Amino acid sequence: MSTCFFEMSCGNKNPNAMLRELLPSAVTATQNPLVAQYTISPAQTASVYVEFGTDTQYALQTSAQQTPPGGGKVTIFVAGMKQNTTYHMRAVMNYPDGAVQYDTDHTFTTGSIPANRMPQASVSIPSGMTPTPGIELASLNPGTQNQLELVAFDSSGNIVWYYDYDLSLGIPQPAKLLPNGHMIIVLDSGSGGTVREIDLAGNIIHQFTANDLNQWLSAAGYNLTVYSLNHDILPLPNGHLLLLGSDNQSFTDLPGYPGQTEVTGNDIVDLDPNNKPVWVWKAFDHLDVNRHPMSFPDWTHANTLVYSPDDGNLLFSLRHQHWVIKIDYENGTGNGNVLWRLGYQGDFTLDSGEPANWFYAQHDASIVSPNSTGDFLLGVFDNGDNRVLDSNGDICGSVGQPACYSRPAIFEVNENEMTAHVAWSYNSVYSFWGGVTQQLPNSNIFFDLTTPADNPAGARVMEVTQQPNPQLVWQLDINGQNSYRTIHLPSLYPGVQW
């Protein structure tokens, strides 16, 4: 009697592999109607994942989890399913001796999302184009009907995952997939703020607030009180967590601002795995408060933290300075000095010489080249607010001047020669805030128009080819909700491509 039904490793692959009997297993519902819980208990040490799909071809899979030493219970959340749909799923167990065992097929039917809470989204794909496989994780602003604010779409515009929470806690700014398969979210309420780690079923694993952080800062001896956690969060490879905060400082008789002025600046706090602050950076200690090209006294208005693995330093996107700055972090041993300032009136020479070609009021800086130092590529979403058009200092949108425009852009940055040039860009409809520029593995560009001027109450997310004349590959339109940051992910599971 053949044992190959149970083990791919029998027969030619591993004739000495011991037959393992099928194991008791169960698939149950969770609090999220789009997420199932799959439980199985191998009797020996194994690596276990679940494959699933709308038929027994099982087109999708989860990440693998290890049993306890010697075997034992494994629980895997299965996510990435459309509502009101029956799915087939089975566990796959890989044993140290090379044997592979399959569980029997289970079925699970997903539930419904309340219709009035569904973001209103539609997808268009030009003829002959194929969007990059994966999902789109969207951090949305409130709608008019209590719509969901953190959702994942598939390439057809179906919601395949969401997180429902008390929306009074704030807007997800943003959410990120962690290496352990959980999501980490900054819920920004304008003041205060909450950092929350959740599993795919929506269970809270860990959370803290701005008040908690202030207590930790005080206990660690730092003279800093943040009034808000906002806009970004950065898990580091060593298990530390970098937080982006805001604090206020009062100034007297600043040039052009007589009397008292309460100025808002940004901070970076490095938390170790025990929630102890071990490194702190304050904009007030390193930048000139009298430089304020827009929206003062909201002075810096940072929105992105970027880790440079080649030198252990940080890039920090300061929207209201029109700068991306590099900070001496050195994996927590640096002195915090500003090493350079990239952007208009910064430290780099732009090869075109035209100030309009810099980025303005930018969002979502990201390193898109394999290297992060020397001569590297930096992606930004150039919102274009207050764009300086020429050497006279003329500003877009002012009387007699052209309208402002936005663009996803990639800059080549040469730290050695202190030069920069626009390697690629795509002028789009104006979006005065938010946004993403992401280079995909196939070199296509994925970008998010948070508030497109032709649909200011909605959002638009696009994938285009990275060519001098880009071609549209895929487009998602959302009505009634802005999208602070929508990113493309290979799947809902780290290391897994759908």
Protein backbone atom coordinates (compact mmCIF):
# COMPACT_ATOMS: atom_id res chain seq x y z
CA MET A 1 0.00 0.00 0.00
CA SER A 2 1.46 3.37 -1.08
CA THR A 3 2.20 5.93 1.61
CA CYS A 4 2.77 8.77 -0.86
CA PHE A 5 -0.66 10.24 -0.13
CA PHE A 6 0.74 11.27 3.21
CA GLU A 7 4.38 12.00 2.42
CA MET A 8 5.92 13.49 -0.71
CA SER A 9 9.26 12.27 0.63
CA CYS A 10 8.37 8.59 0.30
CA GLY A 11 9.37 6.57 -2.74
CA ASN A 12 12.20 8.18 -4.74
CA LYS A 13 12.80 11.15 -2.43
CA ASN A 14 13.27 9.49 0.93
CA PRO A 15 12.53 5.75 1.01
CA ASN A 16 13.63 5.54 4.66
CA ALA A 17 11.19 8.19 5.91
CA MET A 18 8.85 6.82 8.55
CA LEU A 19 5.15 6.95 7.75
CA ARG A 20 3.36 9.42 9.98
CA GLU A 21 -0.32 8.97 10.58
CA LEU A 22 -2.75 11.80 9.91
CA LEU A 23 -3.16 14.11 12.84
CA PRO A 24 -6.23 15.57 14.53
CA SER A 25 -6.78 19.07 13.23
CA ALA A 26 -9.45 21.75 13.29
CA VAL A 27 -10.38 24.93 11.46
CA THR A 28 -12.44 27.46 13.40
CA ALA A 29 -13.70 31.00 12.99
CA THR A 30 -12.09 34.04 14.62
CA GLN A 31 -13.40 37.48 15.53
CA ASN A 32 -12.48 38.56 12.00
CA PRO A 33 -14.93 37.00 9.50
CA LEU A 34 -12.19 36.88 6.85
CA VAL A 35 -9.68 35.00 9.03
CA ALA A 36 -9.70 31.31 10.01
CA GLN A 37 -7.75 29.60 12.78
CA TYR A 38 -6.09 26.32 11.80
CA THR A 39 -4.86 24.08 14.63
CA ILE A 40 -2.85 20.88 14.31
CA SER A 41 -0.52 18.96 16.66
CA PRO A 42 2.31 17.03 14.99
CA ALA A 43 3.80 14.39 17.27
CA GLN A 44 7.32 15.27 16.20
CA THR A 45 9.26 18.46 15.53
CA ALA A 46 8.07 19.98 12.25
CA SER A 47 7.75 23.16 10.27
CA VAL A 48 4.08 23.75 9.44
CA TYR A 49 2.29 26.03 7.01
CA VAL A 50 -1.22 26.10 5.58
CA GLU A 51 -1.99 26.19 1.88
CA PHE A 52 -5.41 27.46 0.89
CA GLY A 53 -7.54 28.61 -2.01
CA THR A 54 -10.99 28.50 -3.55
CA ASP A 55 -10.27 24.99 -4.86
CA THR A 56 -7.88 22.16 -4.04
CA GLN A 57 -5.14 23.66 -6.18
CA TYR A 58 -4.42 25.77 -3.05
CA ALA A 59 -3.09 28.88 -4.80
CA LEU A 60 -2.11 30.66 -1.57
CA GLN A 61 -0.15 29.79 1.54
CA THR A 62 0.80 31.14 4.96
CA SER A 63 4.23 31.47 6.50
CA ALA A 64 5.64 28.42 8.25
CA GLN A 65 5.63 27.99 12.01
CA GLN A 66 7.72 25.62 14.11
CA THR A 67 6.21 23.16 16.53
CA PRO A 68 7.59 23.07 20.06
CA PRO A 69 10.70 20.85 20.34
CA GLY A 70 9.60 17.26 19.96
CA GLY A 71 6.26 18.27 18.44
CA GLY A 72 3.07 19.79 19.74
CA LYS A 73 0.28 22.19 18.96
CA VAL A 74 0.62 24.76 16.18
CA THR A 75 -2.00 27.47 15.57
CA ILE A 76 -1.92 29.39 12.30
CA PHE A 77 -4.20 32.24 11.29
CA VAL A 78 -5.25 31.91 7.66
CA ALA A 79 -5.87 35.34 6.11
CA GLY A 80 -6.15 36.76 2.62
CA MET A 81 -9.65 35.49 1.81
CA LYS A 82 -12.56 37.33 0.22
CA GLN A 83 -15.85 37.69 2.07
CA ASN A 84 -18.73 35.22 1.61
CA THR A 85 -16.51 32.65 -0.09
CA THR A 86 -15.76 28.98 0.63
CA TYR A 87 -12.06 28.11 0.80
CA HIS A 88 -10.21 24.81 0.90
CA MET A 89 -7.19 24.56 3.18
CA ARG A 90 -4.78 21.97 4.53
CA ALA A 91 -1.70 21.99 6.71
CA VAL A 92 1.65 20.93 5.27
CA MET A 93 4.26 19.56 7.68
CA ASN A 94 7.96 19.42 6.84
CA TYR A 95 9.99 17.14 9.11
CA PRO A 96 13.73 17.32 9.79
CA ASP A 97 14.36 14.04 7.93
CA GLY A 98 12.94 15.55 4.73
CA ALA A 99 9.51 13.95 4.97
CA VAL A 100 6.52 16.08 3.96
CA GLN A 101 3.07 15.29 5.30
CA TYR A 102 -0.29 16.76 4.22
CA ASP A 103 -3.34 17.09 6.42
CA THR A 104 -6.77 16.27 5.02
CA ASP A 105 -8.65 19.02 3.24
CA HIS A 106 -10.80 21.35 5.31
CA THR A 107 -13.29 23.94 4.10
CA PHE A 108 -14.02 27.33 5.63
CA THR A 109 -16.60 29.86 4.51
CA THR A 110 -15.82 33.47 5.25
CA GLY A 111 -18.38 35.89 6.63
CA SER A 112 -19.54 39.33 5.58
CA ILE A 113 -18.24 42.83 6.09
CA PRO A 114 -21.12 45.20 6.92
CA ALA A 115 -21.89 46.93 3.64
CA ASN A 116 -21.93 50.43 5.13
CA ARG A 117 -18.41 49.91 6.53
CA MET A 118 -16.81 48.86 3.27
CA PRO A 119 -14.43 51.36 1.66
CA GLN A 120 -15.76 52.16 -1.80
CA ALA A 121 -13.04 50.94 -4.13
CA SER A 122 -12.80 49.99 -7.79
CA VAL A 123 -9.95 48.68 -9.95
CA SER A 124 -9.09 49.28 -13.57
CA ILE A 125 -6.45 47.35 -15.53
CA PRO A 126 -5.54 48.43 -19.08
CA SER A 127 -5.82 45.75 -21.75
CA GLY A 128 -2.73 43.57 -21.93
CA MET A 129 -1.38 44.63 -18.54
CA THR A 130 -0.81 42.32 -15.55
CA PRO A 131 -0.47 43.87 -12.08
CA THR A 132 2.32 42.73 -9.82
CA PRO A 133 1.12 39.81 -7.63
CA GLY A 134 0.46 40.57 -3.97
CA ILE A 135 -1.84 42.75 -1.91
CA GLU A 136 -2.28 46.44 -1.14
CA LEU A 137 -2.27 47.43 2.54
CA ALA A 138 -4.18 50.70 2.88
CA SER A 139 -4.14 53.13 5.81
CA LEU A 140 -7.27 55.20 5.21
CA ASN A 141 -8.74 58.33 6.72
CA PRO A 142 -12.24 58.36 8.22
CA GLY A 143 -15.18 58.18 5.87
CA THR A 144 -18.69 59.51 6.34
CA GLN A 145 -20.21 56.18 7.45
CA ASN A 146 -17.71 54.77 9.94
CA GLN A 147 -15.91 52.87 7.19
CA LEU A 148 -12.98 50.61 7.97
CA GLU A 149 -9.63 52.41 7.99
CA LEU A 150 -7.05 49.62 7.81
CA VAL A 151 -7.71 47.17 4.97
CA ALA A 152 -5.87 44.98 2.47
CA PHE A 153 -7.07 44.75 -1.13
CA ASP A 154 -6.21 42.15 -3.71
CA SER A 155 -5.39 43.23 -7.26
CA SER A 156 -9.09 43.02 -8.20
CA GLY A 157 -10.09 45.46 -5.47
CA ASN A 158 -11.57 42.85 -3.12
CA ILE A 159 -10.98 43.34 0.60
CA VAL A 160 -9.05 40.27 1.78
CA TRP A 161 -8.16 41.45 5.29
CA TYR A 162 -9.02 44.27 7.65
CA TYR A 163 -8.55 45.38 11.22
CA ASP A 164 -11.57 46.76 13.04
CA TYR A 165 -10.84 48.83 16.12
CA ASP A 166 -12.20 51.77 18.11
CA LEU A 167 -11.80 54.48 15.49
CA SER A 168 -11.69 57.18 18.17
CA LEU A 169 -8.13 56.01 18.88
CA GLY A 170 -7.03 57.63 15.63
CA ILE A 171 -5.97 57.04 12.06
CA PRO A 172 -3.55 54.21 11.20
CA GLN A 173 -0.40 56.17 10.34
CA PRO A 174 0.81 53.67 9.24
CA ALA A 175 0.59 49.87 9.58
CA LYS A 176 3.55 47.59 8.86
CA LEU A 177 3.99 43.84 8.58
CA LEU A 178 6.48 42.52 11.13
CA PRO A 179 8.90 39.61 10.58
CA ASN A 180 6.86 37.53 13.08
CA GLY A 181 3.72 37.88 10.93
CA HIS A 182 2.00 40.41 13.18
CA MET A 183 1.06 43.96 12.23
CA ILE A 184 2.37 47.03 14.06
CA ILE A 185 0.27 50.17 13.86
CA VAL A 186 0.53 53.79 14.98
CA LEU A 187 -2.95 55.09 15.77
CA ASP A 188 -2.61 58.87 15.49
CA SER A 189 -5.37 60.88 17.14
CA GLY A 190 -3.68 64.29 16.74
CA SER A 191 -2.51 64.26 20.32
CA GLY A 192 -1.42 61.28 22.37
CA GLY A 193 -1.36 58.27 20.11
CA THR A 194 -1.18 54.50 20.50
CA VAL A 195 1.27 51.92 19.19
CA ARG A 196 -0.37 48.53 18.85
CA GLU A 197 0.89 45.13 17.73
CA ILE A 198 -1.83 42.74 16.58
CA ASP A 199 -2.03 39.29 15.03
CA LEU A 200 -3.95 38.71 11.81
CA ALA A 201 -7.13 37.88 13.72
CA GLY A 202 -6.99 41.30 15.39
CA ASN A 203 -5.92 40.13 18.85
CA ILE A 204 -3.79 42.72 20.65
CA ILE A 205 -0.35 41.31 21.40
CA HIS A 206 1.20 44.44 22.87
CA GLN A 207 0.41 48.14 23.01
CA PHE A 208 1.49 51.38 24.61
CA THR A 209 0.52 55.03 24.48
CA ALA A 210 2.33 58.35 24.33
CA ASN A 211 1.76 58.66 28.08
CA ASP A 212 3.47 55.31 28.63
CA LEU A 213 6.39 56.46 26.51
CA ASN A 214 6.72 59.67 28.52
CA GLN A 215 6.94 57.67 31.73
CA TRP A 216 9.64 55.48 30.21
CA LEU A 217 11.56 58.55 29.01
CA SER A 218 11.44 60.10 32.45
CA ALA A 219 12.56 56.89 34.15
CA ALA A 220 15.47 56.64 31.71
CA GLY A 221 16.56 60.21 32.50
CA TYR A 222 15.62 61.88 29.21
CA ASN A 223 14.35 65.46 29.23
CA LEU A 224 11.64 64.94 26.63
CA THR A 225 7.86 64.87 26.73
CA VAL A 226 6.13 63.97 23.48
CA TYR A 227 2.57 65.10 23.02
CA SER A 228 1.97 62.83 20.04
CA LEU A 229 3.11 59.63 18.37
CA ASN A 230 2.44 59.91 14.67
CA HIS A 231 3.18 59.28 10.99
CA ASP A 232 5.68 56.41 11.14
CA ILE A 233 7.28 53.64 13.15
CA LEU A 234 10.42 51.69 12.30
CA PRO A 235 11.20 48.18 13.58
CA LEU A 236 14.96 47.55 13.39
CA PRO A 237 16.77 44.28 12.64
CA ASN A 238 18.12 44.13 16.23
CA GLY A 239 14.62 44.11 17.74
CA HIS A 240 14.59 47.80 18.66
CA LEU A 241 11.70 50.06 17.69
CA LEU A 242 12.16 53.63 16.48
CA LEU A 243 9.26 55.95 17.24
CA LEU A 244 8.42 59.27 15.57
CA GLY A 245 7.06 61.78 18.06
CA SER A 246 6.26 65.48 18.32
CA ASP A 247 6.96 67.95 21.08
CA ASN A 248 6.49 71.68 21.61
CA GLN A 249 8.89 74.41 22.63
CA SER A 250 8.13 78.05 23.37
CA PHE A 251 10.21 80.84 21.80
CA THR A 252 10.20 84.58 22.42
CA ASP A 253 10.42 87.21 19.67
CA LEU A 254 11.50 85.01 16.80
CA PRO A 255 12.19 87.07 13.65
CA GLY A 256 8.80 87.92 12.20
CA TYR A 257 6.99 86.42 15.20
CA PRO A 258 6.89 88.90 18.09
CA GLY A 259 5.94 87.65 21.53
CA GLN A 260 5.60 84.00 22.46
CA THR A 261 5.43 81.35 19.75
CA GLU A 262 4.75 77.72 20.51
CA VAL A 263 6.70 75.73 17.92
CA THR A 264 6.14 72.05 17.12
CA GLY A 265 9.16 69.91 16.26
CA ASN A 266 9.84 66.21 15.86
CA ASP A 267 11.65 63.60 17.90
CA ILE A 268 13.00 60.09 17.42
CA VAL A 269 12.98 57.64 20.32
CA ASP A 270 14.78 54.29 20.20
CA LEU A 271 13.11 51.65 22.38
CA ASP A 272 14.94 48.44 23.18
CA PRO A 273 12.98 45.14 23.32
CA ASN A 274 12.16 45.85 26.99
CA ASN A 275 10.56 49.23 26.14
CA LYS A 276 13.49 51.14 27.58
CA PRO A 277 14.45 54.33 25.71
CA VAL A 278 18.14 54.01 24.83
CA TRP A 279 18.66 56.83 22.29
CA VAL A 280 16.77 60.06 21.66
CA TRP A 281 16.97 62.72 18.94
CA LYS A 282 15.24 66.13 19.02
CA ALA A 283 14.92 68.45 16.04
CA PHE A 284 15.22 71.46 18.35
CA ASP A 285 18.76 70.37 19.22
CA HIS A 286 19.98 70.01 15.64
CA LEU A 287 18.11 72.32 13.24
CA ASP A 288 17.53 76.08 12.89
CA VAL A 289 14.09 77.02 14.12
CA ASN A 290 14.24 80.18 12.00
CA ARG A 291 14.18 78.19 8.76
CA HIS A 292 10.52 77.50 8.05
CA PRO A 293 9.57 77.46 4.36
CA MET A 294 5.98 76.37 5.05
CA SER A 295 3.29 76.02 7.72
CA PHE A 296 5.21 77.47 10.66
CA PRO A 297 4.94 77.05 13.67
CA ASP A 298 4.33 73.40 12.66
CA TRP A 299 8.03 73.53 12.01
CA THR A 300 9.33 70.15 10.78
CA HIS A 301 6.30 67.83 10.36
CA ALA A 302 8.26 64.62 9.82
CA ASN A 303 6.58 61.67 8.15
CA THR A 304 9.15 58.93 7.41
CA LEU A 305 11.97 57.14 9.23
CA VAL A 306 14.40 55.12 7.10
CA TYR A 307 17.20 52.88 8.33
CA SER A 308 20.41 52.74 6.28
CA PRO A 309 21.84 49.23 6.81
CA ASP A 310 25.19 50.03 5.18
CA ASP A 311 26.22 52.51 7.90
CA GLY A 312 23.55 52.14 10.61
CA ASN A 313 22.38 55.75 10.20
CA LEU A 314 18.90 57.20 9.68
CA LEU A 315 17.14 59.18 6.99
CA PHE A 316 14.34 61.42 8.21
CA SER A 317 11.78 63.05 5.91
CA LEU A 318 10.80 66.55 7.13
CA ARG A 319 7.82 67.70 5.06
CA HIS A 320 7.76 71.31 6.23
CA GLN A 321 11.47 71.75 5.59
CA HIS A 322 11.32 70.19 2.08
CA TRP A 323 14.24 68.08 3.23
CA VAL A 324 15.28 64.50 3.78
CA ILE A 325 18.09 64.64 6.32
CA LYS A 326 20.65 62.05 7.33
CA ILE A 327 21.23 61.59 11.05
CA ASP A 328 24.30 60.13 12.75
CA TYR A 329 22.64 57.19 14.52
CA GLU A 330 25.28 54.46 14.08
CA ASN A 331 22.99 51.74 15.42
CA GLY A 332 22.33 53.69 18.60
CA THR A 333 25.87 54.90 19.29
CA GLY A 334 25.81 58.05 17.12
CA ASN A 335 25.76 61.63 18.38
CA GLY A 336 22.65 62.62 16.41
CA ASN A 337 24.37 65.22 14.26
CA VAL A 338 22.77 66.06 10.92
CA LEU A 339 25.21 64.64 8.36
CA TRP A 340 23.48 66.20 5.36
CA ARG A 341 20.26 67.82 4.16
CA LEU A 342 18.84 66.74 0.81
CA GLY A 343 16.46 69.14 -0.91
CA TYR A 344 15.98 72.79 -1.78
CA GLN A 345 18.56 75.00 0.00
CA GLY A 346 20.23 71.91 1.43
CA ASP A 347 23.74 70.51 1.02
CA PHE A 348 23.45 68.89 -2.41
CA THR A 349 23.77 70.32 -5.91
CA LEU A 350 20.98 69.26 -8.26
CA ASP A 351 22.47 68.63 -11.69
CA SER A 352 19.63 70.35 -13.56
CA GLY A 353 20.12 73.50 -11.51
CA GLU A 354 16.35 74.08 -11.55
CA PRO A 355 14.83 74.44 -8.07
CA ALA A 356 11.49 73.11 -9.40
CA ASN A 357 13.12 69.69 -9.85
CA TRP A 358 13.62 69.23 -6.11
CA PHE A 359 10.90 67.59 -4.03
CA TYR A 360 8.60 69.74 -1.88
CA ALA A 361 6.40 68.79 1.12
CA GLN A 362 7.40 65.18 0.38
CA HIS A 363 6.21 61.93 1.92
CA ASP A 364 7.46 58.35 2.16
CA ALA A 365 11.19 58.54 1.55
CA SER A 366 12.63 55.09 0.84
CA ILE A 367 15.94 53.62 -0.31
CA VAL A 368 15.26 51.72 -3.54
CA SER A 369 18.80 50.62 -4.47
CA PRO A 370 20.60 47.57 -3.02
CA ASN A 371 23.12 49.90 -1.34
CA SER A 372 22.15 52.64 1.12
CA THR A 373 25.32 54.76 1.13
CA GLY A 374 27.68 56.32 -1.40
CA ASP A 375 25.85 56.62 -4.70
CA PHE A 376 22.32 55.32 -4.03
CA LEU A 377 18.72 55.74 -5.13
CA LEU A 378 16.08 57.41 -2.96
CA GLY A 379 12.37 57.26 -3.72
CA VAL A 380 10.02 60.00 -2.50
CA PHE A 381 6.48 61.09 -3.15
CA ASP A 382 6.92 64.72 -4.14
CA ASN A 383 3.66 66.42 -3.12
CA GLY A 384 4.81 69.72 -4.63
CA ASP A 385 3.34 72.14 -2.06
CA ASN A 386 5.08 75.53 -2.24
CA ARG A 387 7.27 74.30 -5.09
CA VAL A 388 9.92 76.91 -5.91
CA LEU A 389 9.77 77.29 -9.67
CA ASP A 390 12.80 79.41 -10.47
CA SER A 391 15.71 81.42 -9.14
CA ASN A 392 13.35 84.34 -8.45
CA GLY A 393 11.64 82.26 -5.76
CA ASP A 394 8.29 82.13 -7.55
CA ILE A 395 5.93 79.58 -5.95
CA CYS A 396 3.57 77.24 -7.79
CA GLY A 397 -0.09 78.12 -7.49
CA SER A 398 0.58 81.77 -6.65
CA VAL A 399 -0.88 84.57 -8.76
CA GLY A 400 0.39 84.35 -12.31
CA GLN A 401 2.27 81.08 -11.74
CA PRO A 402 1.55 77.53 -12.94
CA ALA A 403 -0.49 75.22 -10.76
CA CYS A 404 1.25 72.86 -8.37
CA TYR A 405 1.72 69.23 -9.36
CA SER A 406 2.77 66.05 -7.55
CA ARG A 407 4.92 63.15 -8.68
CA PRO A 408 6.45 59.90 -7.59
CA ALA A 409 10.18 60.38 -8.07
CA ILE A 410 13.48 58.56 -7.69
CA PHE A 411 16.60 60.61 -7.00
CA GLU A 412 20.15 59.43 -7.47
CA VAL A 413 22.02 60.72 -4.43
CA ASN A 414 25.82 60.81 -4.42
CA GLU A 415 27.08 61.37 -0.89
CA ASN A 416 30.71 61.49 -2.00
CA GLU A 417 30.27 64.28 -4.53
CA MET A 418 27.23 65.84 -2.80
CA THR A 419 25.24 65.83 -6.01
CA ALA A 420 21.75 64.64 -6.89
CA HIS A 421 19.68 64.22 -10.00
CA VAL A 422 16.20 63.00 -10.85
CA ALA A 423 16.67 59.44 -12.10
CA TRP A 424 12.94 58.97 -12.80
CA SER A 425 9.68 60.81 -12.18
CA TYR A 426 6.08 60.85 -13.34
CA ASN A 427 4.12 64.08 -13.09
CA SER A 428 0.66 63.34 -11.78
CA VAL A 429 -2.40 65.19 -10.60
CA TYR A 430 -1.73 67.36 -7.54
CA SER A 431 -2.08 65.67 -4.14
CA PHE A 432 -1.25 68.15 -1.40
CA TRP A 433 -0.45 65.62 1.34
CA GLY A 434 0.28 61.98 1.98
CA GLY A 435 1.48 59.54 -0.60
CA VAL A 436 3.86 56.68 -1.35
CA THR A 437 6.52 55.92 -3.94
CA GLN A 438 7.54 52.25 -3.94
CA GLN A 439 9.76 50.43 -6.41
CA LEU A 440 8.52 46.88 -6.97
CA PRO A 441 10.82 43.88 -7.61
CA ASN A 442 10.03 44.02 -11.35
CA SER A 443 11.13 47.71 -11.34
CA ASN A 444 7.57 49.02 -11.76
CA ILE A 445 6.62 51.96 -9.56
CA PHE A 446 3.71 51.72 -7.14
CA PHE A 447 2.42 55.04 -5.80
CA ASP A 448 -0.41 56.45 -3.72
CA LEU A 449 -2.17 59.75 -4.40
CA THR A 450 -3.66 60.49 -0.99
CA THR A 451 -5.88 63.40 -2.07
CA PRO A 452 -5.92 63.71 -5.88
CA ALA A 453 -7.12 67.14 -6.95
CA ASP A 454 -9.75 65.58 -9.22
CA ASN A 455 -11.13 63.52 -6.29
CA PRO A 456 -10.05 65.35 -3.12
CA ALA A 457 -12.36 63.33 -0.85
CA GLY A 458 -10.93 60.07 -2.18
CA ALA A 459 -7.62 58.47 -3.12
CA ARG A 460 -5.92 56.85 -6.10
CA VAL A 461 -3.28 54.12 -6.07
CA MET A 462 -1.39 53.24 -9.26
CA GLU A 463 1.25 50.90 -10.65
CA VAL A 464 3.15 52.19 -13.68
CA THR A 465 6.18 51.03 -15.63
CA GLN A 466 9.46 52.73 -14.80
CA GLN A 467 10.09 54.21 -18.23
CA PRO A 468 10.60 57.73 -19.58
CA ASN A 469 6.97 57.53 -20.73
CA PRO A 470 5.39 55.32 -18.05
CA GLN A 471 2.54 53.00 -18.94
CA LEU A 472 -0.32 52.40 -16.53
CA VAL A 473 -0.40 48.80 -15.29
CA TRP A 474 -3.08 48.95 -12.58
CA GLN A 475 -5.20 51.54 -10.77
CA LEU A 476 -7.27 51.49 -7.59
CA ASP A 477 -9.72 54.34 -6.95
CA ILE A 478 -11.20 54.91 -3.50
CA ASN A 479 -14.13 57.24 -2.99
CA GLY A 480 -14.99 59.00 0.27
CA GLN A 481 -11.72 58.24 2.08
CA ASN A 482 -8.19 59.57 1.68
CA SER A 483 -5.30 57.11 1.86
CA TYR A 484 -2.42 58.32 4.02
CA ARG A 485 -0.19 55.43 2.96
CA THR A 486 -1.08 52.46 0.78
CA ILE A 487 1.78 50.03 0.18
CA HIS A 488 2.21 46.93 -1.94
CA LEU A 489 3.13 43.69 -0.13
CA PRO A 490 3.92 40.29 -1.66
CA SER A 491 1.31 38.80 0.70
CA LEU A 492 0.00 39.08 4.25
CA TYR A 493 2.81 36.79 5.39
CA PRO A 494 6.53 37.64 5.64
CA GLY A 495 8.62 35.78 3.09
CA VAL A 496 5.61 34.52 1.11
CA GLN A 497 4.72 35.60 -2.43
CA TRP A 498 1.12 35.14 -3.59
